PDB file of N, CA and C in Angstrom:
ATOM      1  N   ILE A   1     133.525  73.748 108.739  1.00  0.00           N
ATOM      2  CA  ILE A   1     133.550  72.601 109.625  1.00  0.00           C
ATOM      3  C   ILE A   1     133.563  71.320 108.810  1.00  0.00           C
ATOM      4  N   PHE A   2     132.655  71.251 107.796  1.00  0.00           N
ATOM      5  CA  PHE A   2     132.603  70.040 106.979  1.00  0.00           C
ATOM      6  C   PHE A   2     133.863  69.880 106.145  1.00  0.00           C
ATOM      7  N   ALA A   3     134.392  70.984 105.641  1.00  0.00           N
ATOM      8  CA  ALA A   3     135.628  70.903 104.861  1.00  0.00           C
ATOM      9  C   ALA A   3     136.758  70.383 105.738  1.00  0.00           C
ATOM     10  N   GLY A   4     136.839  70.852 106.962  1.00  0.00           N
ATOM     11  CA  GLY A   4     137.859  70.371 107.882  1.00  0.00           C
ATOM     12  C   GLY A   4     137.709  68.888 108.186  1.00  0.00           C
ATOM     13  N   MET A   5     136.462  68.448 108.370  1.00  0.00           N
ATOM     14  CA  MET A   5     136.220  67.026 108.621  1.00  0.00           C
ATOM     15  C   MET A   5     136.643  66.185 107.424  1.00  0.00           C
ATOM     16  N   GLU A   6     136.352  66.657 106.224  1.00  0.00           N
ATOM     17  CA  GLU A   6     136.705  65.897 105.020  1.00  0.00           C
ATOM     18  C   GLU A   6     138.216  65.839 104.835  1.00  0.00           C
ATOM     19  N   VAL A   7     138.922  66.949 105.064  1.00  0.00           N
ATOM     20  CA  VAL A   7     140.382  66.947 104.949  1.00  0.00           C
ATOM     21  C   VAL A   7     140.981  66.028 106.012  1.00  0.00           C
ATOM     22  N   PHE A   8     140.476  66.087 107.227  1.00  0.00           N
ATOM     23  CA  PHE A   8     140.942  65.224 108.307  1.00  0.00           C
ATOM     24  C   PHE A   8     140.764  63.755 107.932  1.00  0.00           C
ATOM     25  N   SER A   9     139.575  63.407 107.410  1.00  0.00           N
ATOM     26  CA  SER A   9     139.309  62.022 107.008  1.00  0.00           C
ATOM     27  C   SER A   9     140.176  61.613 105.832  1.00  0.00           C
ATOM     28  N   LEU A  10     140.426  62.526 104.903  1.00  0.00           N
ATOM     29  CA  LEU A  10     141.296  62.234 103.767  1.00  0.00           C
ATOM     30  C   LEU A  10     142.700  61.901 104.254  1.00  0.00           C
ATOM     31  N   LEU A  11     143.224  62.707 105.169  1.00  0.00           N
ATOM     32  CA  LEU A  11     144.599  62.514 105.640  1.00  0.00           C
ATOM     33  C   LEU A  11     144.760  61.275 106.513  1.00  0.00           C
ATOM     34  N   LEU A  12     143.742  60.973 107.315  1.00  0.00           N
ATOM     35  CA  LEU A  12     143.911  59.884 108.283  1.00  0.00           C
ATOM     36  C   LEU A  12     143.325  58.546 107.853  1.00  0.00           C
ATOM     37  N   SER A  13     142.469  58.515 106.837  1.00  0.00           N
ATOM     38  CA  SER A  13     141.913  57.213 106.464  1.00  0.00           C
ATOM     39  C   SER A  13     142.122  56.875 104.989  1.00  0.00           C
ATOM     40  N   GLU A  14     141.871  57.814 104.083  1.00  0.00           N
ATOM     41  CA  GLU A  14     141.969  57.460 102.670  1.00  0.00           C
ATOM     42  C   GLU A  14     143.416  57.380 102.193  1.00  0.00           C
ATOM     43  N   LEU A  15     144.237  58.367 102.492  1.00  0.00           N
ATOM     44  CA  LEU A  15     145.623  58.362 102.016  1.00  0.00           C
ATOM     45  C   LEU A  15     146.441  57.203 102.584  1.00  0.00           C
ATOM     46  N   PRO A  16     146.372  56.911 103.888  1.00  0.00           N
ATOM     47  CA  PRO A  16     147.129  55.742 104.365  1.00  0.00           C
ATOM     48  C   PRO A  16     146.671  54.438 103.709  1.00  0.00           C
ATOM     49  N   GLN A  17     145.383  54.312 103.443  1.00  0.00           N
ATOM     50  CA  GLN A  17     144.868  53.107 102.805  1.00  0.00           C
ATOM     51  C   GLN A  17     145.380  52.989 101.372  1.00  0.00           C
ATOM     52  N   ARG A  18     145.472  54.112 100.656  1.00  0.00           N
ATOM     53  CA  ARG A  18     145.959  54.106  99.270  1.00  0.00           C
ATOM     54  C   ARG A  18     147.450  53.767  99.189  1.00  0.00           C
ATOM     55  N   PHE A  19     148.189  54.147 100.208  1.00  0.00           N
ATOM     56  CA  PHE A  19     149.630  53.858 100.203  1.00  0.00           C
ATOM     57  C   PHE A  19     149.961  52.566 100.931  1.00  0.00           C
ATOM     58  N   GLY A  20     148.939  51.795 101.288  1.00  0.00           N
ATOM     59  CA  GLY A  20     149.151  50.476 101.861  1.00  0.00           C
ATOM     60  C   GLY A  20     149.470  50.457 103.333  1.00  0.00           C
ATOM     61  N   HIS A  21     149.173  51.507 104.072  1.00  0.00           N
ATOM     62  CA  HIS A  21     149.481  51.554 105.500  1.00  0.00           C
ATOM     63  C   HIS A  21     148.282  51.217 106.377  1.00  0.00           C
ATOM     64  N   ALA A  22     147.144  51.032 105.815  1.00  0.00           N
ATOM     65  CA  ALA A  22     145.954  50.708 106.606  1.00  0.00           C
ATOM     66  C   ALA A  22     145.452  49.339 106.186  1.00  0.00           C
ATOM     67  N   GLY A  23     144.901  48.607 107.119  1.00  0.00           N
ATOM     68  CA  GLY A  23     144.473  47.247 106.840  1.00  0.00           C
ATOM     69  C   GLY A  23     143.109  47.143 106.182  1.00  0.00           C
ATOM     70  N   ARG A  24     142.184  47.988 106.550  1.00  0.00           N
ATOM     71  CA  ARG A  24     140.828  47.836 106.002  1.00  0.00           C
ATOM     72  C   ARG A  24     140.533  48.924 104.986  1.00  0.00           C
ATOM     73  N   SER A  25     139.638  48.622 104.080  1.00  0.00           N
ATOM     74  CA  SER A  25     139.280  49.543 102.999  1.00  0.00           C
ATOM     75  C   SER A  25     138.195  50.506 103.470  1.00  0.00           C
ATOM     76  N   VAL A  26     138.323  51.756 103.081  1.00  0.00           N
ATOM     77  CA  VAL A  26     137.330  52.783 103.414  1.00  0.00           C
ATOM     78  C   VAL A  26     136.465  53.006 102.181  1.00  0.00           C
ATOM     79  N   PRO A  27     135.149  52.820 102.274  1.00  0.00           N
ATOM     80  CA  PRO A  27     134.293  52.925 101.083  1.00  0.00           C
ATOM     81  C   PRO A  27     133.952  54.367 100.685  1.00  0.00           C
ATOM     82  N   ILE A  28     134.540  55.351 101.321  1.00  0.00           N
ATOM     83  CA  ILE A  28     134.219  56.747 101.016  1.00  0.00           C
ATOM     84  C   ILE A  28     135.437  57.408 100.394  1.00  0.00           C
ATOM     85  N   ALA A  29     135.226  58.086  99.270  1.00  0.00           N
ATOM     86  CA  ALA A  29     136.314  58.804  98.606  1.00  0.00           C
ATOM     87  C   ALA A  29     136.331  60.233  99.132  1.00  0.00           C
ATOM     88  N   PHE A  30     137.049  60.460 100.222  1.00  0.00           N
ATOM     89  CA  PHE A  30     137.112  61.780 100.822  1.00  0.00           C
ATOM     90  C   PHE A  30     137.793  62.774  99.892  1.00  0.00           C
ATOM     91  N   SER A  31     138.675  62.283  99.023  1.00  0.00           N
ATOM     92  CA  SER A  31     139.347  63.170  98.073  1.00  0.00           C
ATOM     93  C   SER A  31     138.333  63.795  97.107  1.00  0.00           C
ATOM     94  N   ALA A  32     137.278  63.060  96.749  1.00  0.00           N
ATOM     95  CA  ALA A  32     136.233  63.620  95.876  1.00  0.00           C
ATOM     96  C   ALA A  32     135.474  64.729  96.601  1.00  0.00           C
ATOM     97  N   HIS A  33     135.224  64.534  97.890  1.00  0.00           N
ATOM     98  CA  HIS A  33     134.533  65.567  98.658  1.00  0.00           C
ATOM     99  C   HIS A  33     135.395  66.823  98.762  1.00  0.00           C
ATOM    100  N   VAL A  34     136.685  66.651  99.040  1.00  0.00           N
ATOM    101  CA  VAL A  34     137.587  67.795  99.143  1.00  0.00           C
ATOM    102  C   VAL A  34     137.688  68.500  97.793  1.00  0.00           C
ATOM    103  N   GLY A  35     137.748  67.737  96.700  1.00  0.00           N
ATOM    104  CA  GLY A  35     137.774  68.337  95.359  1.00  0.00           C
ATOM    105  C   GLY A  35     136.511  69.133  95.066  1.00  0.00           C
ATOM    106  N   GLY A  36     135.364  68.617  95.477  1.00  0.00           N
ATOM    107  CA  GLY A  36     134.106  69.341  95.281  1.00  0.00           C
ATOM    108  C   GLY A  36     134.052  70.625  96.082  1.00  0.00           C
ATOM    109  N   ILE A  37     134.551  70.572  97.297  1.00  0.00           N
ATOM    110  CA  ILE A  37     134.578  71.772  98.144  1.00  0.00           C
ATOM    111  C   ILE A  37     135.491  72.830  97.533  1.00  0.00           C
ATOM    112  N   LEU A  38     136.672  72.415  97.056  1.00  0.00           N
ATOM    113  CA  LEU A  38     137.596  73.371  96.429  1.00  0.00           C
ATOM    114  C   LEU A  38     137.024  73.953  95.147  1.00  0.00           C
ATOM    115  N   THR A  39     136.375  73.116  94.343  1.00  0.00           N
ATOM    116  CA  THR A  39     135.753  73.604  93.106  1.00  0.00           C
ATOM    117  C   THR A  39     134.653  74.618  93.409  1.00  0.00           C
ATOM    118  N   ALA A  40     133.828  74.338  94.397  1.00  0.00           N
ATOM    119  CA  ALA A  40     132.765  75.273  94.770  1.00  0.00           C
ATOM    120  C   ALA A  40     133.353  76.588  95.252  1.00  0.00           C
ATOM    121  N   TRP A  41     134.428  76.535  96.025  1.00  0.00           N
ATOM    122  CA  TRP A  41     135.066  77.750  96.521  1.00  0.00           C
ATOM    123  C   TRP A  41     135.640  78.575  95.371  1.00  0.00           C
ATOM    124  N   VAL A  42     136.292  77.917  94.395  1.00  0.00           N
ATOM    125  CA  VAL A  42     136.848  78.636  93.245  1.00  0.00           C
ATOM    126  C   VAL A  42     135.721  79.280  92.431  1.00  0.00           C
ATOM    127  N   CYS A  43     134.650  78.540  92.188  1.00  0.00           N
ATOM    128  CA  CYS A  43     133.511  79.103  91.437  1.00  0.00           C
ATOM    129  C   CYS A  43     132.914  80.295  92.176  1.00  0.00           C
ATOM    130  N   TYR A  44     132.767  80.180  93.475  1.00  0.00           N
ATOM    131  CA  TYR A  44     132.227  81.287  94.260  1.00  0.00           C
ATOM    132  C   TYR A  44     133.116  82.518  94.136  1.00  0.00           C
ATOM    133  N   ARG A  45     134.442  82.340  94.244  1.00  0.00           N
ATOM    134  CA  ARG A  45     135.368  83.477  94.131  1.00  0.00           C
ATOM    135  C   ARG A  45     135.302  84.107  92.747  1.00  0.00           C
ATOM    136  N   ILE A  46     135.197  83.290  91.701  1.00  0.00           N
ATOM    137  CA  ILE A  46     135.117  83.828  90.334  1.00  0.00           C
ATOM    138  C   ILE A  46     133.844  84.652  90.176  1.00  0.00           C
ATOM    139  N   PHE A  47     132.713  84.122  90.604  1.00  0.00           N
ATOM    140  CA  PHE A  47     131.455  84.842  90.421  1.00  0.00           C
ATOM    141  C   PHE A  47     131.354  86.058  91.329  1.00  0.00           C
ATOM    142  N   ARG A  48     131.958  86.021  92.503  1.00  0.00           N
ATOM    143  CA  ARG A  48     131.976  87.209  93.369  1.00  0.00           C
ATOM    144  C   ARG A  48     132.808  88.320  92.757  1.00  0.00           C
ATOM    145  N   ALA A  49     133.840  87.957  92.002  1.00  0.00           N
ATOM    146  CA  ALA A  49     134.722  88.957  91.391  1.00  0.00           C
ATOM    147  C   ALA A  49     134.139  89.508  90.094  1.00  0.00           C
ATOM    148  N   GLY A  50     133.024  89.037  89.647  1.00  0.00           N
ATOM    149  CA  GLY A  50     132.433  89.548  88.422  1.00  0.00           C
ATOM    150  C   GLY A  50     132.188  88.467  87.396  1.00  0.00           C
ATOM    151  N   GLY A  51     132.687  87.295  87.654  1.00  0.00           N
ATOM    152  CA  GLY A  51     132.437  86.182  86.756  1.00  0.00           C
ATOM    153  C   GLY A  51     133.085  86.381  85.405  1.00  0.00           C
ATOM    154  N   PHE A  52     132.448  85.847  84.395  1.00  0.00           N
ATOM    155  CA  PHE A  52     132.967  85.927  83.033  1.00  0.00           C
ATOM    156  C   PHE A  52     132.225  86.981  82.216  1.00  0.00           C
ATOM    157  N   SER A  53     131.469  87.814  82.868  1.00  0.00           N
ATOM    158  CA  SER A  53     130.738  88.863  82.166  1.00  0.00           C
ATOM    159  C   SER A  53     131.028  90.210  82.817  1.00  0.00           C
ATOM    160  N   GLU A  54     130.545  91.263  82.201  1.00  0.00           N
ATOM    161  CA  GLU A  54     130.756  92.606  82.740  1.00  0.00           C
ATOM    162  C   GLU A  54     129.783  92.911  83.875  1.00  0.00           C
ATOM    163  N   LYS A  55     128.670  92.202  83.905  1.00  0.00           N
ATOM    164  CA  LYS A  55     127.654  92.429  84.916  1.00  0.00           C
ATOM    165  C   LYS A  55     127.965  91.621  86.166  1.00  0.00           C
ATOM    166  N   LYS A  56     127.957  92.264  87.317  1.00  0.00           N
ATOM    167  CA  LYS A  56     128.229  91.567  88.564  1.00  0.00           C
ATOM    168  C   LYS A  56     126.984  90.769  88.974  1.00  0.00           C
ATOM    169  N   PRO A  57     127.165  89.523  89.371  1.00  0.00           N
ATOM    170  CA  PRO A  57     126.002  88.705  89.738  1.00  0.00           C
ATOM    171  C   PRO A  57     125.389  89.164  91.051  1.00  0.00           C
ATOM    172  N   LEU A  58     124.209  88.668  91.315  1.00  0.00           N
ATOM    173  CA  LEU A  58     123.492  89.041  92.528  1.00  0.00           C
ATOM    174  C   LEU A  58     123.782  88.075  93.670  1.00  0.00           C
ATOM    175  N   ILE A  59     124.985  87.524  93.695  1.00  0.00           N
ATOM    176  CA  ILE A  59     125.384  86.627  94.776  1.00  0.00           C
ATOM    177  C   ILE A  59     126.083  87.468  95.838  1.00  0.00           C
ATOM    178  N   GLU A  60     125.661  87.335  97.059  1.00  0.00           N
ATOM    179  CA  GLU A  60     126.315  88.089  98.127  1.00  0.00           C
ATOM    180  C   GLU A  60     126.348  87.247  99.389  1.00  0.00           C
ATOM    181  N   LEU A  61     127.230  87.637 100.275  1.00  0.00           N
ATOM    182  CA  LEU A  61     127.336  86.930 101.537  1.00  0.00           C
ATOM    183  C   LEU A  61     126.102  87.177 102.390  1.00  0.00           C
ATOM    184  N   PRO A  62     125.736  86.216 103.236  1.00  0.00           N
ATOM    185  CA  PRO A  62     124.632  86.467 104.146  1.00  0.00           C
ATOM    186  C   PRO A  62     124.986  87.594 105.123  1.00  0.00           C
ATOM    187  N   ALA A  63     123.983  88.267 105.647  1.00  0.00           N
ATOM    188  CA  ALA A  63     124.202  89.437 106.502  1.00  0.00           C
ATOM    189  C   ALA A  63     125.030  89.101 107.740  1.00  0.00           C
ATOM    190  N   TRP A  64     124.865  87.909 108.276  1.00  0.00           N
ATOM    191  CA  TRP A  64     125.594  87.558 109.491  1.00  0.00           C
ATOM    192  C   TRP A  64     127.068  87.290 109.220  1.00  0.00           C
ATOM    193  N   LEU A  65     127.459  87.143 107.939  1.00  0.00           N
ATOM    194  CA  LEU A  65     128.835  86.834 107.608  1.00  0.00           C
ATOM    195  C   LEU A  65     129.593  88.035 107.049  1.00  0.00           C
ATOM    196  N   ARG A  66     128.885  89.092 106.701  1.00  0.00           N
ATOM    197  CA  ARG A  66     129.542  90.273 106.130  1.00  0.00           C
ATOM    198  C   ARG A  66     130.376  90.998 107.162  1.00  0.00           C
ATOM    199  N   ARG A  67     131.478  91.558 106.713  1.00  0.00           N
ATOM    200  CA  ARG A  67     132.326  92.353 107.602  1.00  0.00           C
ATOM    201  C   ARG A  67     131.777  93.765 107.700  1.00  0.00           C
ATOM    202  N   LYS A  68     131.939  94.347 108.849  1.00  0.00           N
ATOM    203  CA  LYS A  68     131.528  95.734 109.031  1.00  0.00           C
ATOM    204  C   LYS A  68     132.561  96.639 108.386  1.00  0.00           C
ATOM    205  N   LYS A  69     132.147  97.724 107.799  1.00  0.00           N
ATOM    206  CA  LYS A  69     133.031  98.624 107.057  1.00  0.00           C
ATOM    207  C   LYS A  69     133.668  99.695 107.941  1.00  0.00           C
ATOM    208  N   GLY A  70     133.943  99.416 109.189  1.00  0.00           N
ATOM    209  CA  GLY A  70     134.637 100.356 110.047  1.00  0.00           C
ATOM    210  C   GLY A  70     133.743 101.399 110.698  1.00  0.00           C
ATOM    211  N   ARG A  71     132.502 101.422 110.362  1.00  0.00           N
ATOM    212  CA  ARG A  71     131.609 102.394 110.997  1.00  0.00           C
ATOM    213  C   ARG A  71     130.496 101.637 111.700  1.00  0.00           C
ATOM    214  N   ALA A  72     130.091 102.214 112.771  1.00  0.00           N
ATOM    215  CA  ALA A  72     129.038 101.572 113.556  1.00  0.00           C
ATOM    216  C   ALA A  72     127.696 101.740 112.852  1.00  0.00           C
ATOM    217  N   ALA A  73     126.850 100.801 113.054  1.00  0.00           N
ATOM    218  CA  ALA A  73     125.516 100.882 112.471  1.00  0.00           C
ATOM    219  C   ALA A  73     124.737 102.020 113.123  1.00  0.00           C
ATOM    220  N   ALA A  74     123.901 102.658 112.346  1.00  0.00           N
ATOM    221  CA  ALA A  74     123.103 103.763 112.865  1.00  0.00           C
ATOM    222  C   ALA A  74     122.141 103.239 113.928  1.00  0.00           C
ATOM    223  N   PRO A  75     122.000 103.959 115.032  1.00  0.00           N
ATOM    224  CA  PRO A  75     121.084 103.492 116.063  1.00  0.00           C
ATOM    225  C   PRO A  75     119.642 103.543 115.562  1.00  0.00           C
ATOM    226  N   VAL A  76     118.908 102.576 115.972  1.00  0.00           N
ATOM    227  CA  VAL A  76     117.508 102.483 115.563  1.00  0.00           C
ATOM    228  C   VAL A  76     116.668 103.259 116.565  1.00  0.00           C
ATOM    229  N   SER A  77     115.800 104.107 116.042  1.00  0.00           N
ATOM    230  CA  SER A  77     114.926 104.851 116.943  1.00  0.00           C
ATOM    231  C   SER A  77     113.489 104.404 116.726  1.00  0.00           C
ATOM    232  N   TYR A  78     112.756 104.354 117.799  1.00  0.00           N
ATOM    233  CA  TYR A  78     111.369 103.941 117.752  1.00  0.00           C
ATOM    234  C   TYR A  78     110.495 105.064 118.265  1.00  0.00           C
ATOM    235  N   LYS A  79     109.315 105.131 117.715  1.00  0.00           N
ATOM    236  CA  LYS A  79     108.367 106.142 118.138  1.00  0.00           C
ATOM    237  C   LYS A  79     107.120 105.415 118.624  1.00  0.00           C
ATOM    238  N   VAL A  80     106.732 105.695 119.839  1.00  0.00           N
ATOM    239  CA  VAL A  80     105.582 105.040 120.427  1.00  0.00           C
ATOM    240  C   VAL A  80     104.475 106.058 120.594  1.00  0.00           C
ATOM    241  N   ASN A  81     103.289 105.696 120.165  1.00  0.00           N
ATOM    242  CA  ASN A  81     102.136 106.573 120.271  1.00  0.00           C
ATOM    243  C   ASN A  81     101.382 106.220 121.557  1.00  0.00           C
ATOM    244  N   PHE A  82     101.458 107.136 122.552  1.00  0.00           N
ATOM    245  CA  PHE A  82     100.791 106.907 123.820  1.00  0.00           C
ATOM    246  C   PHE A  82      99.421 107.567 123.895  1.00  0.00           C
ATOM    247  N   SER A  83      98.981 108.161 122.806  1.00  0.00           N
ATOM    248  CA  SER A  83      97.685 108.835 122.842  1.00  0.00           C
ATOM    249  C   SER A  83      96.566 107.805 122.890  1.00  0.00           C
ATOM    250  N   LYS A  84      95.477 108.185 123.502  1.00  0.00           N
ATOM    251  CA  LYS A  84      94.319 107.300 123.598  1.00  0.00           C
ATOM    252  C   LYS A  84      93.692 107.141 122.229  1.00  0.00           C
ATOM    253  N   PRO A  85      93.159 105.973 121.929  1.00  0.00           N
ATOM    254  CA  PRO A  85      92.474 105.804 120.648  1.00  0.00           C
ATOM    255  C   PRO A  85      91.208 106.660 120.616  1.00  0.00           C
ATOM    256  N   LEU A  86      90.860 107.066 119.432  1.00  0.00           N
ATOM    257  CA  LEU A  86      89.666 107.894 119.277  1.00  0.00           C
ATOM    258  C   LEU A  86      88.432 107.077 119.609  1.00  0.00           C
ATOM    259  N   GLU A  87      87.608 107.623 120.457  1.00  0.00           N
ATOM    260  CA  GLU A  87      86.362 106.947 120.806  1.00  0.00           C
ATOM    261  C   GLU A  87      85.292 107.353 119.801  1.00  0.00           C
ATOM    262  N   VAL A  88      84.474 106.425 119.481  1.00  0.00           N
ATOM    263  CA  VAL A  88      83.405 106.669 118.524  1.00  0.00           C
ATOM    264  C   VAL A  88      82.085 106.367 119.223  1.00  0.00           C
ATOM    265  N   SER A  89      81.148 107.284 119.097  1.00  0.00           N
ATOM    266  CA  SER A  89      79.839 107.117 119.709  1.00  0.00           C
ATOM    267  C   SER A  89      79.017 106.116 118.906  1.00  0.00           C
ATOM    268  N   ARG A  90      78.496 105.128 119.601  1.00  0.00           N
ATOM    269  CA  ARG A  90      77.688 104.097 118.951  1.00  0.00           C
ATOM    270  C   ARG A  90      76.417 104.722 118.354  1.00  0.00           C
ATOM    271  N   GLN A  91      75.831 105.715 119.056  1.00  0.00           N
ATOM    272  CA  GLN A  91      74.622 106.369 118.552  1.00  0.00           C
ATOM    273  C   GLN A  91      74.915 107.139 117.267  1.00  0.00           C
ATOM    274  N   GLU A  92      76.106 107.779 117.211  1.00  0.00           N
ATOM    275  CA  GLU A  92      76.469 108.546 116.011  1.00  0.00           C
ATOM    276  C   GLU A  92      76.661 107.608 114.821  1.00  0.00           C
ATOM    277  N   VAL A  93      77.293 106.465 115.063  1.00  0.00           N
ATOM    278  CA  VAL A  93      77.492 105.491 113.990  1.00  0.00           C
ATOM    279  C   VAL A  93      76.144 104.942 113.522  1.00  0.00           C
ATOM    280  N   ASP A  94      75.262 104.655 114.457  1.00  0.00           N
ATOM    281  CA  ASP A  94      73.931 104.157 114.082  1.00  0.00           C
ATOM    282  C   ASP A  94      73.181 105.183 113.248  1.00  0.00           C
ATOM    283  N   ARG A  95      73.310 106.471 113.604  1.00  0.00           N
ATOM    284  CA  ARG A  95      72.641 107.523 112.836  1.00  0.00           C
ATOM    285  C   ARG A  95      73.162 107.548 111.395  1.00  0.00           C
ATOM    286  N   VAL A  96      74.492 107.426 111.233  1.00  0.00           N
ATOM    287  CA  VAL A  96      75.079 107.449 109.887  1.00  0.00           C
ATOM    288  C   VAL A  96      74.655 106.212 109.100  1.00  0.00           C
ATOM    289  N   LEU A  97      74.600 105.061 109.765  1.00  0.00           N
ATOM    290  CA  LEU A  97      74.173 103.843 109.061  1.00  0.00           C
ATOM    291  C   LEU A  97      72.715 103.917 108.645  1.00  0.00           C
ATOM    292  N   ASP A  98      71.874 104.536 109.478  1.00  0.00           N
ATOM    293  CA  ASP A  98      70.467 104.729 109.099  1.00  0.00           C
ATOM    294  C   ASP A  98      70.353 105.652 107.896  1.00  0.00           C
ATOM    295  N   LYS A  99      71.205 106.684 107.854  1.00  0.00           N
ATOM    296  CA  LYS A  99      71.197 107.604 106.712  1.00  0.00           C
ATOM    297  C   LYS A  99      71.597 106.868 105.441  1.00  0.00           C
ATOM    298  N   ILE A 100      72.563 105.958 105.532  1.00  0.00           N
ATOM    299  CA  ILE A 100      72.970 105.175 104.352  1.00  0.00           C
ATOM    300  C   ILE A 100      71.813 104.301 103.901  1.00  0.00           C
ATOM    301  N   ALA A 101      71.094 103.711 104.855  1.00  0.00           N
ATOM    302  CA  ALA A 101      69.967 102.852 104.498  1.00  0.00           C
ATOM    303  C   ALA A 101      68.856 103.642 103.812  1.00  0.00           C
ATOM    304  N   ARG A 102      68.636 104.906 104.255  1.00  0.00           N
ATOM    305  CA  ARG A 102      67.569 105.732 103.669  1.00  0.00           C
ATOM    306  C   ARG A 102      67.977 106.342 102.344  1.00  0.00           C
ATOM    307  N   GLU A 103      69.198 106.960 102.287  1.00  0.00           N
ATOM    308  CA  GLU A 103      69.562 107.797 101.150  1.00  0.00           C
ATOM    309  C   GLU A 103      70.696 107.233 100.298  1.00  0.00           C
ATOM    310  N   GLY A 104      71.409 106.238 100.806  1.00  0.00           N
ATOM    311  CA  GLY A 104      72.523 105.673 100.058  1.00  0.00           C
ATOM    312  C   GLY A 104      73.856 106.240 100.536  1.00  0.00           C
ATOM    313  N   PHE A 105      74.935 105.555 100.166  1.00  0.00           N
ATOM    314  CA  PHE A 105      76.275 105.937 100.602  1.00  0.00           C
ATOM    315  C   PHE A 105      76.708 107.276 100.015  1.00  0.00           C
ATOM    316  N   ALA A 106      76.248 107.608  98.840  1.00  0.00           N
ATOM    317  CA  ALA A 106      76.649 108.846  98.173  1.00  0.00           C
ATOM    318  C   ALA A 106      76.151 110.091  98.911  1.00  0.00           C
ATOM    319  N   ALA A 107      75.143 109.944  99.781  1.00  0.00           N
ATOM    320  CA  ALA A 107      74.588 111.087 100.489  1.00  0.00           C
ATOM    321  C   ALA A 107      75.404 111.487 101.723  1.00  0.00           C
ATOM    322  N   LEU A 108      76.444 110.736 102.055  1.00  0.00           N
ATOM    323  CA  LEU A 108      77.231 111.041 103.260  1.00  0.00           C
ATOM    324  C   LEU A 108      78.134 112.243 103.045  1.00  0.00           C
ATOM    325  N   THR A 109      78.326 113.013 104.109  1.00  0.00           N
ATOM    326  CA  THR A 109      79.260 114.132 104.080  1.00  0.00           C
ATOM    327  C   THR A 109      80.673 113.583 104.356  1.00  0.00           C
ATOM    328  N   PRO A 110      81.717 114.351 104.050  1.00  0.00           N
ATOM    329  CA  PRO A 110      83.083 113.884 104.355  1.00  0.00           C
ATOM    330  C   PRO A 110      83.286 113.593 105.848  1.00  0.00           C
ATOM    331  N   GLN A 111      82.631 114.357 106.735  1.00  0.00           N
ATOM    332  CA  GLN A 111      82.769 114.107 108.159  1.00  0.00           C
ATOM    333  C   GLN A 111      82.138 112.766 108.546  1.00  0.00           C
ATOM    334  N   GLU A 112      80.998 112.446 107.918  1.00  0.00           N
ATOM    335  CA  GLU A 112      80.336 111.174 108.214  1.00  0.00           C
ATOM    336  C   GLU A 112      81.160 109.993 107.688  1.00  0.00           C
ATOM    337  N   ARG A 113      81.784 110.161 106.539  1.00  0.00           N
ATOM    338  CA  ARG A 113      82.652 109.098 106.008  1.00  0.00           C
ATOM    339  C   ARG A 113      83.865 108.899 106.923  1.00  0.00           C
ATOM    340  N   ASP A 114      84.404 109.988 107.419  1.00  0.00           N
ATOM    341  CA  ASP A 114      85.536 109.900 108.349  1.00  0.00           C
ATOM    342  C   ASP A 114      85.114 109.196 109.634  1.00  0.00           C
ATOM    343  N   LEU A 115      83.913 109.507 110.110  1.00  0.00           N
ATOM    344  CA  LEU A 115      83.397 108.848 111.308  1.00  0.00           C
ATOM    345  C   LEU A 115      83.297 107.336 111.094  1.00  0.00           C
ATOM    346  N   LEU A 116      82.823 106.920 109.915  1.00  0.00           N
ATOM    347  CA  LEU A 116      82.724 105.486 109.635  1.00  0.00           C
ATOM    348  C   LEU A 116      84.108 104.828 109.572  1.00  0.00           C
ATOM    349  N   GLU A 117      85.076 105.519 109.013  1.00  0.00           N
ATOM    350  CA  GLU A 117      86.444 104.975 108.949  1.00  0.00           C
ATOM    351  C   GLU A 117      87.026 104.802 110.353  1.00  0.00           C
ATOM    352  N   ARG A 118      86.844 105.815 111.199  1.00  0.00           N
ATOM    353  CA  ARG A 118      87.335 105.713 112.572  1.00  0.00           C
ATOM    354  C   ARG A 118      86.613 104.598 113.326  1.00  0.00           C
ATOM    355  N   ALA A 119      85.301 104.480 113.102  1.00  0.00           N
ATOM    356  CA  ALA A 119      84.524 103.433 113.762  1.00  0.00           C
ATOM    357  C   ALA A 119      84.978 102.058 113.298  1.00  0.00           C
ATOM    358  N   ARG A 120      85.294 101.926 112.040  1.00  0.00           N
ATOM    359  CA  ARG A 120      85.782 100.642 111.534  1.00  0.00           C
ATOM    360  C   ARG A 120      87.089 100.252 112.233  1.00  0.00           C
ATOM    361  N   GLY A 121      87.997 101.230 112.380  1.00  0.00           N
ATOM    362  CA  GLY A 121      89.258 100.966 113.053  1.00  0.00           C
ATOM    363  C   GLY A 121      89.067 100.591 114.518  1.00  0.00           C
ATOM    364  N   VAL A 122      88.145 101.278 115.194  1.00  0.00           N
ATOM    365  CA  VAL A 122      87.902 101.000 116.619  1.00  0.00           C
ATOM    366  C   VAL A 122      87.251  99.630 116.783  1.00  0.00           C
ATOM    367  N   PHE A 123      86.267  99.301 115.950  1.00  0.00           N
ATOM    368  CA  PHE A 123      85.539  98.057 116.117  1.00  0.00           C
ATOM    369  C   PHE A 123      86.346  96.849 115.634  1.00  0.00           C
ATOM    370  N   GLN A 124      87.287  97.048 114.717  1.00  0.00           N
ATOM    371  CA  GLN A 124      88.139  95.921 114.290  1.00  0.00           C
ATOM    372  C   GLN A 124      89.114  95.536 115.383  1.00  0.00           C
ATOM    373  N   LYS A 125      89.538  96.483 116.208  1.00  0.00           N
ATOM    374  CA  LYS A 125      90.484  96.192 117.282  1.00  0.00           C
ATOM    375  C   LYS A 125      89.838  95.445 118.427  1.00  0.00           C
ATOM    376  N   ARG A 126      88.535  95.515 118.546  1.00  0.00           N
ATOM    377  CA  ARG A 126      87.840  94.870 119.660  1.00  0.00           C
ATOM    378  C   ARG A 126      87.632  93.422 119.429  1.00  0.00           C
TER     379      ARG A 126
END
């Protein structure tokens, strides 16, 4: 869009003024803008093709501008968990916490540690 605007302005305001067909002077050099746009496009094409080295640069088109390669995108599937969250008994958690206070964390069984993990998940969601 901007390149088109600059070319349009170059053709209708700068060139007629340079050839003496326009009465007032335009303080913008649209030809410099068009030259910059063309230079950027040439540099982009060179670097997209591999540049001046054997290693291809990490420049790529944005996802919204890339062409599709003739195949449809794979459908996205979602999995929803409709199961009820595990309920944890407040009395059971209190019993385990009292045991930690009396004997220390190392005295817990694997089942008691699992109970604390589940309780942490349930109480963080609340």
